[in-house]
Amino acid sequence: MSRLTPKWNLITETNPKSPISEGYRMLRTNIEYSSIDQSLQIIMVTSSKPSEGKSTTCANMAVAFAQTNKRVLLIDADLRKPTQHHIFGKSNRIGLTTALFHQKELRDVIQHTNTDNLSLIPAGPTPPNPSELLSSKRMAALLETTKGMYDVIIIDTPPVLFVTDAQIVAAQSDGVVLVIDSGKVKKEVAFKAKASLDHVKAKLIGVVLNNINRKHADSYYYYYGERNDA
């Protein structure tokens, strides 16, 4: 049963009054108000490279939306190195890949979490062709179906500069949040990540800066909306 034990705590659940939890709520609010004329129902989260905190950001952002009584679905589309099942302490035996290969019905791969209003589709077994699977008609149909079931769909994807998976999902999303480790990622790498998203005409709705030096910043995040200098 150890595989069902969460590897780390979700701070938005365990310490909702902390400054970091407040940062996630600010992120949620800014996303909600970043587009007046277009509904942001499918939100993709990515980073420029691994270990920037995108999956943790993704999970806490999903909890923050669920805490507003919205029906939230978190999809782990990082099929090469999935993390969300670890974060929530769920099995990854079946998941997104299982549904896309029609081995299980969609309803069978959706798992409830300990957070009210928040459901999870883990990545499932690693396929030999992640990019092709994510760009398939089956993936498009799955997203269309879930749009009728949930108010907000948040998708965790691989780093955008390493494989094409994130670009593929970004083209199917209403908005993209880019997570940057401010202590490790150089400005030119961040611009390259943004350019990769621009290439598929993705709508970049915000940038999350992790590991901000708190001596020079008042909060855990800066949120930029649609600024060109993201």
C-alpha atoms as a PDB file:
ATOM      1  CA  MET A   1       0.000   0.000   0.000  1.00  0.00           C
ATOM      2  CA  SER A   2       3.014   2.304   0.113  1.00  0.00           C
ATOM      3  CA  ARG A   3       2.409   3.365  -3.476  1.00  0.00           C
ATOM      4  CA  LEU A   4      -0.894   4.867  -2.353  1.00  0.00           C
ATOM      5  CA  THR A   5       0.740   7.050   0.277  1.00  0.00           C
ATOM      6  CA  PRO A   6       1.250  10.676  -0.860  1.00  0.00           C
ATOM      7  CA  LYS A   7       4.938  11.563  -1.166  1.00  0.00           C
ATOM      8  CA  TRP A   8       4.387  15.142  -0.046  1.00  0.00           C
ATOM      9  CA  ASN A   9       1.650  17.297   1.365  1.00  0.00           C
ATOM     10  CA  LEU A  10      -0.440  19.751  -0.581  1.00  0.00           C
ATOM     11  CA  ILE A  11       0.100  23.010   1.253  1.00  0.00           C
ATOM     12  CA  THR A  12      -3.229  24.422   0.031  1.00  0.00           C
ATOM     13  CA  GLU A  13      -4.871  21.621   2.025  1.00  0.00           C
ATOM     14  CA  THR A  14      -2.541  21.228   5.008  1.00  0.00           C
ATOM     15  CA  ASN A  15      -1.853  24.916   5.643  1.00  0.00           C
ATOM     16  CA  PRO A  16      -4.431  27.006   3.757  1.00  0.00           C
ATOM     17  CA  LYS A  17      -3.574  30.180   5.670  1.00  0.00           C
ATOM     18  CA  SER A  18       0.115  30.153   4.760  1.00  0.00           C
ATOM     19  CA  PRO A  19       1.586  32.819   2.435  1.00  0.00           C
ATOM     20  CA  ILE A  20       2.292  30.156  -0.172  1.00  0.00           C
ATOM     21  CA  SER A  21      -1.335  28.984  -0.127  1.00  0.00           C
ATOM     22  CA  GLU A  22      -2.396  32.594  -0.524  1.00  0.00           C
ATOM     23  CA  GLY A  23      -0.081  32.756  -3.537  1.00  0.00           C
ATOM     24  CA  TYR A  24      -1.926  29.854  -5.149  1.00  0.00           C
ATOM     25  CA  ARG A  25      -5.261  31.549  -4.484  1.00  0.00           C
ATOM     26  CA  MET A  26      -3.933  34.737  -6.071  1.00  0.00           C
ATOM     27  CA  LEU A  27      -2.858  32.678  -9.063  1.00  0.00           C
ATOM     28  CA  ARG A  28      -6.340  31.190  -9.305  1.00  0.00           C
ATOM     29  CA  THR A  29      -7.970  34.626  -9.098  1.00  0.00           C
ATOM     30  CA  ASN A  30      -5.669  36.107 -11.714  1.00  0.00           C
ATOM     31  CA  ILE A  31      -6.422  33.231 -14.064  1.00  0.00           C
ATOM     32  CA  GLU A  32     -10.151  33.719 -13.570  1.00  0.00           C
ATOM     33  CA  TYR A  33      -9.880  37.410 -14.449  1.00  0.00           C
ATOM     34  CA  SER A  34      -7.239  37.093 -17.186  1.00  0.00           C
ATOM     35  CA  SER A  35      -9.846  36.677 -19.900  1.00  0.00           C
ATOM     36  CA  ILE A  36     -13.147  38.514 -19.951  1.00  0.00           C
ATOM     37  CA  ASP A  37     -14.497  37.461 -23.330  1.00  0.00           C
ATOM     38  CA  GLN A  38     -13.264  33.850 -23.444  1.00  0.00           C
ATOM     39  CA  SER A  39     -13.937  31.050 -21.005  1.00  0.00           C
ATOM     40  CA  LEU A  40     -10.780  29.470 -19.599  1.00  0.00           C
ATOM     41  CA  GLN A  41     -12.037  25.972 -18.976  1.00  0.00           C
ATOM     42  CA  ILE A  42      -9.000  23.925 -20.033  1.00  0.00           C
ATOM     43  CA  ILE A  43      -5.783  25.195 -18.464  1.00  0.00           C
ATOM     44  CA  MET A  44      -2.450  23.585 -19.230  1.00  0.00           C
ATOM     45  CA  VAL A  45       0.580  23.851 -16.947  1.00  0.00           C
ATOM     46  CA  THR A  46       4.123  23.360 -18.197  1.00  0.00           C
ATOM     47  CA  SER A  47       7.713  24.464 -17.552  1.00  0.00           C
ATOM     48  CA  SER A  48      10.821  25.070 -19.623  1.00  0.00           C
ATOM     49  CA  LYS A  49      12.746  22.124 -18.174  1.00  0.00           C
ATOM     50  CA  PRO A  50      12.349  19.435 -15.475  1.00  0.00           C
ATOM     51  CA  SER A  51      12.309  20.088 -11.718  1.00  0.00           C
ATOM     52  CA  GLU A  52      10.867  23.597 -11.838  1.00  0.00           C
ATOM     53  CA  GLY A  53       7.836  22.733  -9.695  1.00  0.00           C
ATOM     54  CA  LYS A  54       5.192  22.543 -12.420  1.00  0.00           C
ATOM     55  CA  SER A  55       3.482  19.424 -11.045  1.00  0.00           C
ATOM     56  CA  THR A  56       3.334  20.800  -7.503  1.00  0.00           C
ATOM     57  CA  THR A  57       1.996  24.084  -8.866  1.00  0.00           C
ATOM     58  CA  CYS A  58      -0.525  22.178 -10.962  1.00  0.00           C
ATOM     59  CA  ALA A  59      -1.816  20.147  -8.009  1.00  0.00           C
ATOM     60  CA  ASN A  60      -2.109  23.098  -5.628  1.00  0.00           C
ATOM     61  CA  MET A  61      -3.754  25.199  -8.318  1.00  0.00           C
ATOM     62  CA  ALA A  62      -6.328  22.439  -8.818  1.00  0.00           C
ATOM     63  CA  VAL A  63      -7.025  22.367  -5.070  1.00  0.00           C
ATOM     64  CA  ALA A  64      -7.374  26.169  -5.028  1.00  0.00           C
ATOM     65  CA  PHE A  65     -10.007  26.033  -7.783  1.00  0.00           C
ATOM     66  CA  ALA A  66     -11.835  23.171  -6.064  1.00  0.00           C
ATOM     67  CA  GLN A  67     -11.996  25.186  -2.852  1.00  0.00           C
ATOM     68  CA  THR A  68     -14.268  27.666  -4.650  1.00  0.00           C
ATOM     69  CA  ASN A  69     -16.837  24.862  -5.116  1.00  0.00           C
ATOM     70  CA  LYS A  70     -16.032  24.426  -8.786  1.00  0.00           C
ATOM     71  CA  ARG A  71     -15.965  20.944 -10.250  1.00  0.00           C
ATOM     72  CA  VAL A  72     -12.302  20.422 -11.096  1.00  0.00           C
ATOM     73  CA  LEU A  73     -10.568  17.667 -13.056  1.00  0.00           C
ATOM     74  CA  LEU A  74      -6.792  17.322 -12.959  1.00  0.00           C
ATOM     75  CA  ILE A  75      -5.329  15.332 -15.849  1.00  0.00           C
ATOM     76  CA  ASP A  76      -1.757  14.076 -15.723  1.00  0.00           C
ATOM     77  CA  ALA A  77      -0.666  14.268 -19.365  1.00  0.00           C
ATOM     78  CA  ASP A  78       3.024  13.981 -18.500  1.00  0.00           C
ATOM     79  CA  LEU A  79       2.996  10.466 -19.873  1.00  0.00           C
ATOM     80  CA  ARG A  80       6.783  10.108 -19.777  1.00  0.00           C
ATOM     81  CA  LYS A  81       7.340  11.025 -16.130  1.00  0.00           C
ATOM     82  CA  PRO A  82       3.977  11.195 -14.337  1.00  0.00           C
ATOM     83  CA  THR A  83       3.801  12.703 -10.855  1.00  0.00           C
ATOM     84  CA  GLN A  84       0.214  13.484  -9.896  1.00  0.00           C
ATOM     85  CA  HIS A  85      -0.582   9.969  -8.662  1.00  0.00           C
ATOM     86  CA  HIS A  86       2.319  10.324  -6.229  1.00  0.00           C
ATOM     87  CA  ILE A  87       1.142  13.737  -5.046  1.00  0.00           C
ATOM     88  CA  PHE A  88      -2.398  12.519  -4.360  1.00  0.00           C
ATOM     89  CA  GLY A  89      -1.465   8.995  -3.265  1.00  0.00           C
ATOM     90  CA  LYS A  90      -3.368   7.236  -6.043  1.00  0.00           C
ATOM     91  CA  SER A  91      -2.714   4.210  -8.207  1.00  0.00           C
ATOM     92  CA  ASN A  92      -1.289   4.770 -11.691  1.00  0.00           C
ATOM     93  CA  ARG A  93      -2.248   1.293 -12.894  1.00  0.00           C
ATOM     94  CA  ILE A  94      -4.984   2.791 -15.054  1.00  0.00           C
ATOM     95  CA  GLY A  95      -5.337   6.342 -16.262  1.00  0.00           C
ATOM     96  CA  LEU A  96      -5.273   8.583 -19.327  1.00  0.00           C
ATOM     97  CA  THR A  97      -3.444   6.112 -21.550  1.00  0.00           C
ATOM     98  CA  THR A  98      -5.825   3.329 -20.559  1.00  0.00           C
ATOM     99  CA  ALA A  99      -8.791   5.436 -21.633  1.00  0.00           C
ATOM    100  CA  LEU A 100      -7.163   6.588 -24.873  1.00  0.00           C
ATOM    101  CA  PHE A 101      -6.369   3.003 -25.851  1.00  0.00           C
ATOM    102  CA  HIS A 102     -10.037   2.138 -25.090  1.00  0.00           C
ATOM    103  CA  GLN A 103      -8.958  -0.398 -22.479  1.00  0.00           C
ATOM    104  CA  LYS A 104     -11.180   1.289 -19.905  1.00  0.00           C
ATOM    105  CA  GLU A 105     -14.129   3.653 -20.035  1.00  0.00           C
ATOM    106  CA  LEU A 106     -13.479   7.274 -19.082  1.00  0.00           C
ATOM    107  CA  ARG A 107     -15.564   6.977 -15.924  1.00  0.00           C
ATOM    108  CA  ASP A 108     -13.394   4.060 -14.799  1.00  0.00           C
ATOM    109  CA  VAL A 109     -10.127   6.039 -14.886  1.00  0.00           C
ATOM    110  CA  ILE A 110     -11.397   9.114 -13.032  1.00  0.00           C
ATOM    111  CA  GLN A 111     -10.369   8.919  -9.381  1.00  0.00           C
ATOM    112  CA  HIS A 112     -11.754  10.930  -6.499  1.00  0.00           C
ATOM    113  CA  THR A 113      -9.288  12.754  -4.267  1.00  0.00           C
ATOM    114  CA  ASN A 114      -9.465  13.757  -0.621  1.00  0.00           C
ATOM    115  CA  THR A 115     -10.300  17.284  -1.770  1.00  0.00           C
ATOM    116  CA  ASP A 116     -13.982  18.005  -2.269  1.00  0.00           C
ATOM    117  CA  ASN A 117     -14.880  18.771  -5.914  1.00  0.00           C
ATOM    118  CA  LEU A 118     -11.479  17.592  -7.216  1.00  0.00           C
ATOM    119  CA  SER A 119     -11.054  14.497  -9.394  1.00  0.00           C
ATOM    120  CA  LEU A 120      -7.906  13.086 -10.972  1.00  0.00           C
ATOM    121  CA  ILE A 121      -7.057  11.177 -14.112  1.00  0.00           C
ATOM    122  CA  PRO A 122      -3.553   9.771 -13.584  1.00  0.00           C
ATOM    123  CA  ALA A 123      -1.287   9.288 -16.580  1.00  0.00           C
ATOM    124  CA  GLY A 124      -1.572   5.525 -16.605  1.00  0.00           C
ATOM    125  CA  PRO A 125       1.021   3.106 -18.012  1.00  0.00           C
ATOM    126  CA  THR A 126       3.692   4.780 -20.146  1.00  0.00           C
ATOM    127  CA  PRO A 127       2.904   4.327 -23.859  1.00  0.00           C
ATOM    128  CA  PRO A 128       5.494   3.921 -26.642  1.00  0.00           C
ATOM    129  CA  ASN A 129       4.103   6.944 -28.496  1.00  0.00           C
ATOM    130  CA  PRO A 130       3.077   9.736 -26.063  1.00  0.00           C
ATOM    131  CA  SER A 131       3.077  12.546 -28.645  1.00  0.00           C
ATOM    132  CA  GLU A 132       0.912  10.639 -31.114  1.00  0.00           C
ATOM    133  CA  LEU A 133      -1.491   9.664 -28.356  1.00  0.00           C
ATOM    134  CA  LEU A 134      -1.912  13.242 -27.130  1.00  0.00           C
ATOM    135  CA  SER A 135      -2.519  14.519 -30.660  1.00  0.00           C
ATOM    136  CA  SER A 136      -5.042  11.811 -31.464  1.00  0.00           C
ATOM    137  CA  LYS A 137      -8.741  12.266 -32.100  1.00  0.00           C
ATOM    138  CA  ARG A 138      -9.355  10.161 -29.009  1.00  0.00           C
ATOM    139  CA  MET A 139      -7.616  12.770 -26.840  1.00  0.00           C
ATOM    140  CA  ALA A 140      -9.661  15.563 -28.417  1.00  0.00           C
ATOM    141  CA  ALA A 141     -12.848  13.582 -27.816  1.00  0.00           C
ATOM    142  CA  LEU A 142     -11.884  12.890 -24.188  1.00  0.00           C
ATOM    143  CA  LEU A 143     -11.329  16.588 -23.515  1.00  0.00           C
ATOM    144  CA  GLU A 144     -14.608  17.466 -25.184  1.00  0.00           C
ATOM    145  CA  THR A 145     -16.448  14.949 -22.990  1.00  0.00           C
ATOM    146  CA  THR A 146     -14.839  16.150 -19.765  1.00  0.00           C
ATOM    147  CA  LYS A 147     -15.741  19.761 -20.610  1.00  0.00           C
ATOM    148  CA  GLY A 148     -19.352  18.765 -20.128  1.00  0.00           C
ATOM    149  CA  MET A 149     -18.584  17.189 -16.755  1.00  0.00           C
ATOM    150  CA  TYR A 150     -16.318  19.745 -15.057  1.00  0.00           C
ATOM    151  CA  ASP A 151     -16.050  23.502 -14.655  1.00  0.00           C
ATOM    152  CA  VAL A 152     -12.259  23.582 -14.779  1.00  0.00           C
ATOM    153  CA  ILE A 153      -9.836  21.082 -16.338  1.00  0.00           C
ATOM    154  CA  ILE A 154      -6.165  21.445 -15.428  1.00  0.00           C
ATOM    155  CA  ILE A 155      -3.581  19.480 -17.398  1.00  0.00           C
ATOM    156  CA  ASP A 156      -0.049  18.687 -16.245  1.00  0.00           C
ATOM    157  CA  THR A 157       2.345  18.252 -19.201  1.00  0.00           C
ATOM    158  CA  PRO A 158       6.066  17.625 -19.758  1.00  0.00           C
ATOM    159  CA  PRO A 159       8.516  20.549 -20.036  1.00  0.00           C
ATOM    160  CA  VAL A 160       7.888  22.394 -23.281  1.00  0.00           C
ATOM    161  CA  LEU A 161      11.524  22.494 -24.425  1.00  0.00           C
ATOM    162  CA  PHE A 162      12.174  18.756 -24.070  1.00  0.00           C
ATOM    163  CA  VAL A 163       9.391  17.080 -26.085  1.00  0.00           C
ATOM    164  CA  THR A 164       6.513  18.190 -28.300  1.00  0.00           C
ATOM    165  CA  ASP A 165       3.832  16.876 -25.910  1.00  0.00           C
ATOM    166  CA  ALA A 166       3.248  20.236 -24.212  1.00  0.00           C
ATOM    167  CA  GLN A 167       2.879  22.046 -27.531  1.00  0.00           C
ATOM    168  CA  ILE A 168       0.325  19.470 -28.653  1.00  0.00           C
ATOM    169  CA  VAL A 169      -1.781  19.857 -25.504  1.00  0.00           C
ATOM    170  CA  ALA A 170      -1.360  23.654 -25.500  1.00  0.00           C
ATOM    171  CA  ALA A 171      -3.047  23.823 -28.896  1.00  0.00           C
ATOM    172  CA  GLN A 172      -6.081  22.095 -27.353  1.00  0.00           C
ATOM    173  CA  SER A 173      -6.201  24.286 -24.237  1.00  0.00           C
ATOM    174  CA  ASP A 174      -7.872  27.611 -23.516  1.00  0.00           C
ATOM    175  CA  GLY A 175      -4.820  28.939 -21.687  1.00  0.00           C
ATOM    176  CA  VAL A 176      -1.321  28.003 -20.559  1.00  0.00           C
ATOM    177  CA  VAL A 177       0.522  28.680 -17.308  1.00  0.00           C
ATOM    178  CA  LEU A 178       4.310  28.522 -17.569  1.00  0.00           C
ATOM    179  CA  VAL A 179       6.250  27.647 -14.397  1.00  0.00           C
ATOM    180  CA  ILE A 180       9.802  29.010 -14.167  1.00  0.00           C
ATOM    181  CA  ASP A 181      12.399  28.310 -11.480  1.00  0.00           C
ATOM    182  CA  SER A 182      13.776  31.804 -11.005  1.00  0.00           C
ATOM    183  CA  GLY A 183      16.892  30.477  -9.321  1.00  0.00           C
ATOM    184  CA  LYS A 184      17.925  28.093 -12.093  1.00  0.00           C
ATOM    185  CA  VAL A 185      16.418  29.127 -15.421  1.00  0.00           C
ATOM    186  CA  LYS A 186      18.105  31.842 -17.432  1.00  0.00           C
ATOM    187  CA  LYS A 187      16.066  34.521 -19.138  1.00  0.00           C
ATOM    188  CA  GLU A 188      16.890  33.276 -22.642  1.00  0.00           C
ATOM    189  CA  VAL A 189      15.603  29.788 -21.731  1.00  0.00           C
ATOM    190  CA  ALA A 190      12.343  31.272 -20.468  1.00  0.00           C
ATOM    191  CA  PHE A 191      11.970  33.252 -23.704  1.00  0.00           C
ATOM    192  CA  LYS A 192      12.636  30.097 -25.710  1.00  0.00           C
ATOM    193  CA  ALA A 193       9.900  28.299 -23.804  1.00  0.00           C
ATOM    194  CA  LYS A 194       7.498  31.132 -24.519  1.00  0.00           C
ATOM    195  CA  ALA A 195       8.467  31.060 -28.199  1.00  0.00           C
ATOM    196  CA  SER A 196       7.691  27.333 -28.344  1.00  0.00           C
ATOM    197  CA  LEU A 197       4.198  28.044 -27.037  1.00  0.00           C
ATOM    198  CA  ASP A 198       3.766  30.985 -29.400  1.00  0.00           C
ATOM    199  CA  HIS A 199       4.665  28.693 -32.286  1.00  0.00           C
ATOM    200  CA  VAL A 200       1.457  26.698 -31.775  1.00  0.00           C
ATOM    201  CA  LYS A 201      -0.529  29.875 -31.053  1.00  0.00           C
ATOM    202  CA  ALA A 202      -1.046  28.893 -27.425  1.00  0.00           C
ATOM    203  CA  LYS A 203      -2.558  31.524 -25.153  1.00  0.00           C
ATOM    204  CA  LEU A 204      -0.053  32.204 -22.388  1.00  0.00           C
ATOM    205  CA  ILE A 205      -2.170  33.502 -19.517  1.00  0.00           C
ATOM    206  CA  GLY A 206       0.512  33.638 -16.849  1.00  0.00           C
ATOM    207  CA  VAL A 207       3.970  32.853 -15.589  1.00  0.00           C
ATOM    208  CA  VAL A 208       4.680  31.458 -12.143  1.00  0.00           C
ATOM    209  CA  LEU A 209       8.124  32.201 -10.732  1.00  0.00           C
ATOM    210  CA  ASN A 210       9.179  29.622  -8.176  1.00  0.00           C
ATOM    211  CA  ASN A 211      11.980  29.990  -5.639  1.00  0.00           C
ATOM    212  CA  ILE A 212      11.843  33.767  -5.538  1.00  0.00           C
ATOM    213  CA  ASN A 213      14.415  35.307  -3.203  1.00  0.00           C
ATOM    214  CA  ARG A 214      12.092  36.502  -0.464  1.00  0.00           C
ATOM    215  CA  LYS A 215      14.448  39.366   0.357  1.00  0.00           C
ATOM    216  CA  HIS A 216      13.543  40.872  -2.993  1.00  0.00           C
ATOM    217  CA  ALA A 217       9.921  39.795  -3.348  1.00  0.00           C
ATOM    218  CA  ASP A 218       6.756  40.171  -1.316  1.00  0.00           C
ATOM    219  CA  SER A 219       5.135  36.944  -2.423  1.00  0.00           C
ATOM    220  CA  TYR A 220       5.865  33.452  -3.665  1.00  0.00           C
ATOM    221  CA  TYR A 221       4.584  34.241  -7.135  1.00  0.00           C
ATOM    222  CA  TYR A 222       4.557  36.971  -9.679  1.00  0.00           C
ATOM    223  CA  TYR A 223       1.709  36.689 -12.118  1.00  0.00           C
ATOM    224  CA  TYR A 224       2.029  38.441 -15.455  1.00  0.00           C
ATOM    225  CA  GLY A 225      -1.163  37.750 -17.354  1.00  0.00           C
ATOM    226  CA  GLU A 226      -0.472  38.272 -21.043  1.00  0.00           C
ATOM    227  CA  ARG A 227       2.541  40.528 -20.838  1.00  0.00           C
ATOM    228  CA  ASN A 228       5.023  40.191 -23.672  1.00  0.00           C
ATOM    229  CA  ASP A 229       8.024  40.076 -21.364  1.00  0.00           C
ATOM    230  CA  ALA A 230       6.963  36.764 -19.792  1.00  0.00           C
END
